[in-house]
Amino acid sequence: MKYTLCITQQCNLRCTYCYIGKKNVRMPFSIAEEIVDFMFNTTPAEEKIHFGFFGGEPLLEFELLRRITEMLKEHPAFQKERVETTVVSNGTIFSKDIADFIKIHDIGLCISCDGPSFVQDTFRRFSNGQSSSAVVEKNLKSFVDVLPSVMVNAVYHPKTLQFIPETVKYFSDLGIRQLYLSPDFSASWSKGDAERLPEIYGAIAEQYMNNYLKGNPRFISLIDSKIIVIMRGGYDPLERCRMGKGEFAFAPSGNIYPCERLIHDDSGEHCIGNIGSGLKIEKMSCKTASVQNENSECISCGLRSYCMNWCGCSNYFSTGYYDRVGPFLCASERAAIQTAFQVFQTLEKELGPTFVDHLAGRTVLPGKEVERI
């Protein structure tokens, strides 16, 4: 079960593709208390909980984040082994106090950064138009020096698609060991963009394999996650999008949304209730396709079990419906699955069963032990 708190809609950046409307609002602590109660009352006993801080820029409200974290851990139903906490930041804010708090409370930190300066500054600038790349790189290095693990989410767009391999190398050189690559599904992707994906993903795969064989592995989402799914024979039901059932996002107002990417300016377009008045799941039907719930081409596709065709918010940004897949998502998933399969075949052939250990989070190469990713 995933619960995401958008604790503020304030942000010091003005990323052109951002899906959260900018407002000078913050979440009242009393609403956060209600959300935590709702979370523990709603989650089935057998399921774990992913509790996330989001924005805007959540570190602009670090004291609120601190109070909510402490309140969460003091809740009678809190169990350390059951609850995973994360914060997604744009990387423009760093202090020793923040880093120490994140480390002490075992909070997963994900920095949203698109890559080297010529990529980052294409879409991610401060509100006054100034470059953000130098500040984010400096803070990213500071977090890496202090924390045991830092994740990065890099968004790519038709204008920056060709630079993804350089982006992967950039973060690898900075010591980032977990990299998530995310397309901007709201962009105008062309057929030509889609046709370039196998070559671009292939270049990423070469870096992935080289790092692995050198005993310095990196987690890259479009490769690792797909290899694991391929080996399991498809996505597990609990991994698939469960908008409004296993996933909830909360605006500062307490309004409930099926995903944090759908909060926008909290105008209520995707709202499915309020923490005070309760859920209204029937509102989910407003963005579902009226004729059939699945693209006809998906039904007969041999890759459908390994594909994220179920991602409701990605589908919405592509097609306007939660349950209709856009052509670029289809092309990206196909290229990612095929690339991951080729990587697995290559490394399994070269290393044998030792590569399978990597999928369990621990990699052992002949003659040496490699640290956990």
Protein backbone atom coordinates (compact mmCIF):
# COMPACT_ATOMS: atom_id res chain seq x y z
CA MET A 1 0.00 0.00 0.00
CA LYS A 2 1.33 3.40 -0.98
CA TYR A 3 0.42 6.69 0.69
CA THR A 4 1.94 9.96 -0.57
CA LEU A 5 1.62 13.26 1.28
CA CYS A 6 2.02 16.41 -0.79
CA ILE A 7 2.93 18.48 2.26
CA THR A 8 3.31 21.68 0.24
CA GLN A 9 2.63 22.95 -3.25
CA GLN A 10 5.33 25.57 -2.90
CA CYS A 11 8.43 25.05 -5.01
CA ASN A 12 11.54 27.07 -5.80
CA LEU A 13 11.84 25.54 -9.29
CA ARG A 14 9.57 26.00 -12.29
CA CYS A 15 10.06 22.77 -14.22
CA THR A 16 8.17 23.16 -17.45
CA TYR A 17 6.79 19.61 -17.44
CA CYS A 18 5.77 19.57 -13.75
CA TYR A 19 2.37 18.05 -13.01
CA ILE A 20 1.91 19.78 -9.60
CA GLY A 21 0.38 23.27 -9.62
CA LYS A 22 2.34 25.85 -7.62
CA LYS A 23 0.51 27.37 -4.65
CA ASN A 24 1.62 28.94 -1.41
CA VAL A 25 -0.07 26.23 0.67
CA ARG A 26 1.14 23.67 3.21
CA MET A 27 -0.54 20.70 4.83
CA PRO A 28 -1.88 21.37 8.35
CA PHE A 29 -0.41 18.96 10.88
CA SER A 30 -3.92 17.94 11.95
CA ILE A 31 -4.64 16.67 8.42
CA ALA A 32 -1.39 14.67 8.43
CA GLU A 33 -2.52 13.05 11.69
CA GLU A 34 -5.81 12.02 10.09
CA ILE A 35 -3.98 10.61 7.07
CA VAL A 36 -1.70 8.48 9.26
CA ASP A 37 -4.74 7.11 11.12
CA PHE A 38 -6.45 6.41 7.78
CA MET A 39 -3.31 4.65 6.54
CA PHE A 40 -3.07 2.22 9.45
CA ASN A 41 -6.84 1.59 9.46
CA THR A 42 -6.98 0.99 5.69
CA THR A 43 -3.91 -1.17 5.05
CA PRO A 44 -4.52 -4.93 5.26
CA ALA A 45 -2.46 -6.56 8.02
CA GLU A 46 -0.47 -8.66 5.54
CA GLU A 47 0.64 -5.69 3.41
CA LYS A 48 3.58 -3.38 3.94
CA ILE A 49 3.30 0.39 3.77
CA HIS A 50 5.16 2.90 1.60
CA PHE A 51 4.80 6.35 3.18
CA GLY A 52 6.12 9.16 0.99
CA PHE A 53 6.70 12.91 1.30
CA PHE A 54 6.13 14.87 -1.87
CA GLY A 55 5.61 18.43 -3.10
CA GLY A 56 6.11 21.01 -4.46
CA GLU A 57 9.44 20.86 -2.71
CA PRO A 58 8.91 19.05 0.61
CA LEU A 59 12.23 20.17 2.11
CA LEU A 60 10.91 23.74 2.06
CA GLU A 61 8.73 22.45 4.90
CA PHE A 62 11.38 20.40 6.65
CA GLU A 63 10.09 21.17 10.15
CA LEU A 64 6.64 19.89 9.13
CA LEU A 65 8.24 16.81 7.60
CA ARG A 66 10.14 16.28 10.85
CA ARG A 67 6.99 16.55 12.98
CA ILE A 68 5.03 14.16 10.74
CA THR A 69 7.85 11.60 10.76
CA GLU A 70 8.07 11.68 14.55
CA MET A 71 4.29 11.44 14.86
CA LEU A 72 4.23 8.49 12.44
CA LYS A 73 6.83 6.57 14.43
CA GLU A 74 5.03 7.26 17.71
CA HIS A 75 1.72 5.94 16.35
CA PRO A 76 0.50 2.85 18.27
CA ALA A 77 0.22 0.85 15.03
CA PHE A 78 3.71 1.73 13.73
CA GLN A 79 6.05 -1.19 13.05
CA LYS A 80 9.54 -0.40 11.81
CA GLU A 81 9.78 -3.51 9.63
CA ARG A 82 6.43 -2.75 7.99
CA VAL A 83 6.71 0.95 7.08
CA GLU A 84 9.09 2.34 4.46
CA THR A 85 9.42 6.13 4.37
CA THR A 86 10.74 8.18 1.45
CA VAL A 87 11.04 11.81 0.41
CA VAL A 88 11.27 13.11 -3.15
CA SER A 89 13.22 16.38 -3.45
CA ASN A 90 14.42 18.55 -6.32
CA GLY A 91 17.90 18.63 -4.78
CA THR A 92 18.12 22.39 -4.34
CA ILE A 93 18.10 22.22 -0.53
CA PHE A 94 20.76 20.64 1.69
CA SER A 95 21.81 21.01 5.28
CA LYS A 96 23.59 18.75 7.73
CA ASP A 97 20.49 18.79 9.91
CA ILE A 98 18.34 17.51 7.03
CA ALA A 99 20.86 14.84 6.01
CA ASP A 100 21.32 13.63 9.60
CA PHE A 101 17.55 13.44 10.14
CA ILE A 102 17.08 11.43 6.93
CA LYS A 103 19.87 9.07 7.94
CA ILE A 104 18.79 8.60 11.56
CA HIS A 105 15.18 7.90 10.59
CA ASP A 106 16.13 5.64 7.69
CA ILE A 107 14.21 7.73 5.14
CA GLY A 108 14.84 6.90 1.50
CA LEU A 109 15.90 10.00 -0.42
CA CYS A 110 15.12 10.38 -4.11
CA ILE A 111 16.45 13.44 -5.92
CA SER A 112 14.70 14.57 -9.10
CA CYS A 113 17.48 15.63 -11.46
CA ASP A 114 17.52 15.16 -15.21
CA GLY A 115 21.28 14.93 -15.77
CA PRO A 116 24.30 17.10 -16.55
CA SER A 117 23.85 20.86 -16.79
CA PHE A 118 22.87 21.00 -20.48
CA VAL A 119 20.09 18.48 -19.75
CA GLN A 120 19.03 19.64 -16.29
CA ASP A 121 18.75 23.29 -17.27
CA THR A 122 16.61 22.55 -20.31
CA PHE A 123 13.49 22.20 -18.19
CA ARG A 124 14.46 22.53 -14.52
CA ARG A 125 15.27 26.14 -13.61
CA PHE A 126 14.62 28.31 -10.58
CA SER A 127 11.52 30.49 -10.52
CA ASN A 128 13.63 33.47 -11.60
CA GLY A 129 14.87 31.55 -14.66
CA GLN A 130 18.37 30.88 -13.35
CA SER A 131 20.17 27.58 -13.78
CA SER A 132 19.65 24.92 -11.09
CA SER A 133 22.27 22.41 -12.22
CA ALA A 134 25.27 23.63 -10.20
CA VAL A 135 23.30 23.80 -6.94
CA VAL A 136 21.70 20.40 -7.44
CA GLU A 137 25.01 18.73 -8.34
CA LYS A 138 26.70 20.19 -5.26
CA ASN A 139 23.86 19.06 -2.97
CA LEU A 140 23.66 15.66 -4.62
CA LYS A 141 27.35 15.10 -3.88
CA SER A 142 26.80 16.22 -0.28
CA PHE A 143 23.93 13.77 0.21
CA VAL A 144 25.96 10.94 -1.35
CA ASP A 145 28.80 11.67 1.09
CA VAL A 146 26.48 11.44 4.11
CA LEU A 147 23.78 8.90 3.27
CA PRO A 148 24.22 5.16 2.64
CA SER A 149 22.05 5.38 -0.46
CA VAL A 150 20.61 8.12 -2.68
CA MET A 151 18.16 7.49 -5.51
CA VAL A 152 17.80 9.72 -8.54
CA ASN A 153 14.81 10.08 -10.83
CA ALA A 154 15.70 11.55 -14.23
CA VAL A 155 12.93 12.62 -16.60
CA TYR A 156 13.61 12.59 -20.31
CA HIS A 157 11.79 14.43 -23.08
CA PRO A 158 11.99 14.46 -26.90
CA LYS A 159 14.52 17.30 -26.60
CA THR A 160 16.77 15.31 -24.25
CA LEU A 161 16.13 11.74 -25.40
CA GLN A 162 19.46 11.46 -27.23
CA PHE A 163 21.37 12.37 -24.08
CA ILE A 164 20.10 9.55 -21.84
CA PRO A 165 23.35 7.52 -22.13
CA GLU A 166 25.33 10.62 -21.11
CA THR A 167 22.91 11.15 -18.24
CA VAL A 168 23.47 7.59 -17.01
CA LYS A 169 27.25 8.07 -17.09
CA TYR A 170 26.96 11.44 -15.34
CA PHE A 171 25.11 9.96 -12.37
CA SER A 172 27.33 6.89 -12.26
CA ASP A 173 30.39 9.14 -12.04
CA LEU A 174 28.72 11.03 -9.16
CA GLY A 175 28.39 7.78 -7.23
CA ILE A 176 24.65 7.30 -7.74
CA ARG A 177 23.85 3.59 -7.50
CA GLN A 178 20.07 3.68 -8.07
CA LEU A 179 18.79 5.49 -11.14
CA TYR A 180 15.20 5.69 -12.33
CA LEU A 181 14.61 6.89 -15.89
CA SER A 182 11.15 8.31 -16.53
CA PRO A 183 9.69 9.54 -19.82
CA ASP A 184 7.65 12.73 -19.83
CA PHE A 185 4.46 11.10 -21.05
CA SER A 186 2.75 14.45 -21.46
CA ALA A 187 5.25 15.47 -24.18
CA SER A 188 4.62 15.24 -27.91
CA TRP A 189 6.55 12.10 -28.81
CA SER A 190 7.00 11.31 -32.48
CA LYS A 191 7.23 8.01 -34.32
CA GLY A 192 10.89 8.85 -34.96
CA ASP A 193 11.50 9.19 -31.20
CA ALA A 194 10.01 5.76 -30.63
CA GLU A 195 12.13 4.21 -33.37
CA ARG A 196 15.32 5.50 -31.71
CA LEU A 197 14.60 3.85 -28.37
CA PRO A 198 16.18 0.41 -29.01
CA GLU A 199 19.50 2.04 -29.94
CA ILE A 200 19.44 4.47 -27.00
CA TYR A 201 18.40 1.83 -24.47
CA GLY A 202 21.06 -0.43 -25.95
CA ALA A 203 23.74 2.19 -25.22
CA ILE A 204 22.53 2.30 -21.62
CA ALA A 205 22.73 -1.49 -21.48
CA GLU A 206 26.39 -1.38 -22.53
CA GLN A 207 27.19 0.91 -19.61
CA TYR A 208 25.18 -1.29 -17.28
CA MET A 209 27.07 -4.44 -18.28
CA ASN A 210 30.47 -2.74 -18.19
CA ASN A 211 29.84 -1.47 -14.69
CA TYR A 212 28.65 -4.87 -13.58
CA LEU A 213 31.63 -6.74 -14.99
CA LYS A 214 33.99 -4.26 -13.33
CA GLY A 215 32.46 -5.12 -9.97
CA ASN A 216 30.75 -1.75 -9.68
CA PRO A 217 27.07 -2.46 -10.44
CA ARG A 218 24.41 0.21 -10.78
CA PHE A 219 20.66 -0.25 -10.52
CA ILE A 220 19.02 1.19 -13.64
CA SER A 221 15.25 0.93 -13.52
CA LEU A 222 14.52 0.14 -17.14
CA ILE A 223 16.95 -2.82 -17.00
CA ASP A 224 16.87 -4.25 -13.47
CA SER A 225 13.15 -4.00 -12.92
CA LYS A 226 12.43 -5.64 -16.26
CA ILE A 227 14.91 -8.48 -15.73
CA ILE A 228 13.23 -9.32 -12.43
CA VAL A 229 9.77 -9.21 -14.02
CA ILE A 230 10.92 -11.41 -16.91
CA MET A 231 12.33 -14.02 -14.52
CA ARG A 232 9.12 -14.07 -12.52
CA GLY A 233 6.99 -14.42 -15.63
CA GLY A 234 5.28 -11.03 -15.32
CA TYR A 235 4.25 -8.36 -12.85
CA ASP A 236 2.81 -9.51 -9.55
CA PRO A 237 -0.74 -8.20 -8.92
CA LEU A 238 0.49 -6.09 -5.98
CA GLU A 239 3.09 -4.44 -8.23
CA ARG A 240 0.53 -3.26 -10.73
CA CYS A 241 -1.18 0.09 -10.46
CA ARG A 242 -3.87 0.02 -7.78
CA MET A 243 -5.03 3.61 -8.05
CA GLY A 244 -7.67 4.32 -5.45
CA LYS A 245 -7.32 0.84 -3.93
CA GLY A 246 -3.69 0.30 -2.98
CA GLU A 247 -2.40 3.78 -3.71
CA PHE A 248 -3.54 7.15 -2.40
CA ALA A 249 -2.10 10.65 -2.61
CA PHE A 250 -3.11 13.57 -0.41
CA ALA A 251 -3.08 17.26 -1.30
CA PRO A 252 -2.35 19.82 1.44
CA SER A 253 -6.12 20.36 1.67
CA GLY A 254 -6.70 16.73 2.62
CA ASN A 255 -8.24 15.93 -0.77
CA ILE A 256 -7.49 12.37 -1.86
CA TYR A 257 -6.19 11.45 -5.31
CA PRO A 258 -5.41 8.06 -6.87
CA CYS A 259 -1.78 9.09 -7.57
CA GLU A 260 0.45 12.05 -6.65
CA ARG A 261 0.92 12.82 -10.34
CA LEU A 262 -2.81 13.61 -10.57
CA ILE A 263 -3.02 16.23 -7.80
CA HIS A 264 -2.08 19.05 -10.21
CA ASP A 265 -3.41 22.28 -8.66
CA ASP A 266 -5.88 20.44 -6.39
CA SER A 267 -8.79 21.61 -8.51
CA GLY A 268 -10.59 18.31 -7.89
CA GLU A 269 -10.53 16.91 -11.44
CA HIS A 270 -9.16 13.55 -10.26
CA CYS A 271 -10.23 13.87 -6.62
CA ILE A 272 -11.71 10.72 -5.06
CA GLY A 273 -12.63 12.11 -1.65
CA ASN A 274 -11.28 13.99 1.33
CA ILE A 275 -9.60 12.73 4.48
CA GLY A 276 -12.39 14.36 6.50
CA SER A 277 -15.41 13.13 4.55
CA GLY A 278 -14.06 9.82 3.22
CA LEU A 279 -13.39 8.10 -0.11
CA LYS A 280 -15.65 8.30 -3.17
CA ILE A 281 -14.08 5.65 -5.38
CA GLU A 282 -16.87 5.91 -7.95
CA LYS A 283 -15.23 9.12 -9.17
CA MET A 284 -12.44 7.02 -10.68
CA SER A 285 -14.77 6.19 -13.59
CA CYS A 286 -14.54 9.74 -14.96
CA LYS A 287 -11.26 9.03 -16.76
CA THR A 288 -11.80 5.46 -17.92
CA ALA A 289 -12.38 4.58 -21.55
CA SER A 290 -16.03 4.16 -22.44
CA VAL A 291 -15.83 1.34 -25.01
CA GLN A 292 -13.35 -1.15 -23.57
CA ASN A 293 -10.83 -1.12 -20.76
CA GLU A 294 -7.88 -2.25 -22.84
CA ASN A 295 -6.28 -1.42 -26.16
CA SER A 296 -7.10 -4.17 -28.66
CA GLU A 297 -3.43 -4.48 -29.61
CA CYS A 298 -2.54 -5.21 -25.96
CA ILE A 299 -4.80 -8.25 -25.78
CA SER A 300 -2.76 -10.31 -28.25
CA CYS A 301 0.68 -8.88 -27.37
CA GLY A 302 3.16 -11.49 -26.14
CA LEU A 303 4.86 -8.91 -23.91
CA ARG A 304 1.76 -7.74 -22.07
CA SER A 305 2.62 -9.58 -18.81
CA TYR A 306 5.95 -7.70 -18.61
CA CYS A 307 4.59 -4.31 -19.69
CA MET A 308 3.46 -1.36 -17.59
CA ASN A 309 0.30 -0.95 -19.65
CA TRP A 310 -1.51 -0.79 -16.30
CA CYS A 311 0.07 2.52 -15.16
CA GLY A 312 -3.00 4.73 -14.89
CA CYS A 313 -1.32 8.13 -14.60
CA SER A 314 1.12 7.45 -17.47
CA ASN A 315 -1.81 6.38 -19.60
CA TYR A 316 -3.76 9.48 -18.63
CA PHE A 317 -0.94 11.86 -19.60
CA SER A 318 -0.59 10.01 -22.91
CA THR A 319 -4.21 9.47 -23.90
CA GLY A 320 -6.51 11.20 -21.40
CA TYR A 321 -7.72 7.89 -19.94
CA TYR A 322 -6.43 5.76 -17.07
CA ASP A 323 -6.89 2.54 -19.04
CA ARG A 324 -5.75 3.47 -22.56
CA VAL A 325 -2.10 3.03 -23.47
CA GLY A 326 -0.36 5.62 -25.63
CA PRO A 327 1.95 4.66 -28.51
CA PHE A 328 5.12 5.97 -26.84
CA LEU A 329 4.59 3.99 -23.64
CA CYS A 330 4.08 0.92 -25.80
CA ALA A 331 7.31 1.57 -27.72
CA SER A 332 9.28 2.35 -24.56
CA GLU A 333 8.10 -0.77 -22.75
CA ARG A 334 8.81 -2.97 -25.76
CA ALA A 335 12.35 -1.57 -26.10
CA ALA A 336 13.00 -1.84 -22.34
CA ILE A 337 11.82 -5.46 -22.17
CA GLN A 338 13.90 -6.50 -25.16
CA THR A 339 16.96 -4.62 -23.86
CA ALA A 340 16.66 -6.20 -20.41
CA PHE A 341 16.32 -9.66 -21.90
CA GLN A 342 19.47 -9.14 -23.99
CA VAL A 343 21.39 -7.94 -20.93
CA PHE A 344 20.28 -10.97 -18.94
CA GLN A 345 21.25 -13.38 -21.72
CA THR A 346 24.67 -11.76 -22.13
CA LEU A 347 25.58 -11.67 -18.44
CA GLU A 348 24.17 -15.10 -17.69
CA LYS A 349 26.20 -16.55 -20.55
CA GLU A 350 29.38 -14.81 -19.38
CA LEU A 351 28.98 -15.29 -15.63
CA GLY A 352 26.58 -18.17 -15.22
CA PRO A 353 24.40 -18.35 -12.09
CA THR A 354 26.37 -15.64 -10.29
CA PHE A 355 24.35 -13.00 -12.13
CA VAL A 356 21.14 -14.36 -10.64
CA ASP A 357 22.45 -13.38 -7.19
CA HIS A 358 22.35 -9.78 -8.39
CA LEU A 359 18.57 -9.97 -8.62
CA ALA A 360 18.42 -10.70 -4.90
CA GLY A 361 20.31 -7.48 -4.21
CA ARG A 362 23.69 -9.08 -3.67
CA THR A 363 26.21 -9.60 -6.42
CA VAL A 364 29.07 -12.05 -6.31
CA LEU A 365 31.61 -12.09 -9.12
CA PRO A 366 34.23 -14.80 -9.56
CA GLY A 367 37.01 -14.15 -7.03
CA LYS A 368 35.47 -11.10 -5.41
CA GLU A 369 32.45 -9.92 -3.46
CA VAL A 370 30.66 -6.82 -4.64
CA GLU A 371 28.82 -4.52 -2.27
CA ARG A 372 25.06 -4.41 -2.18
CA ILE A 373 23.37 -1.94 -4.47
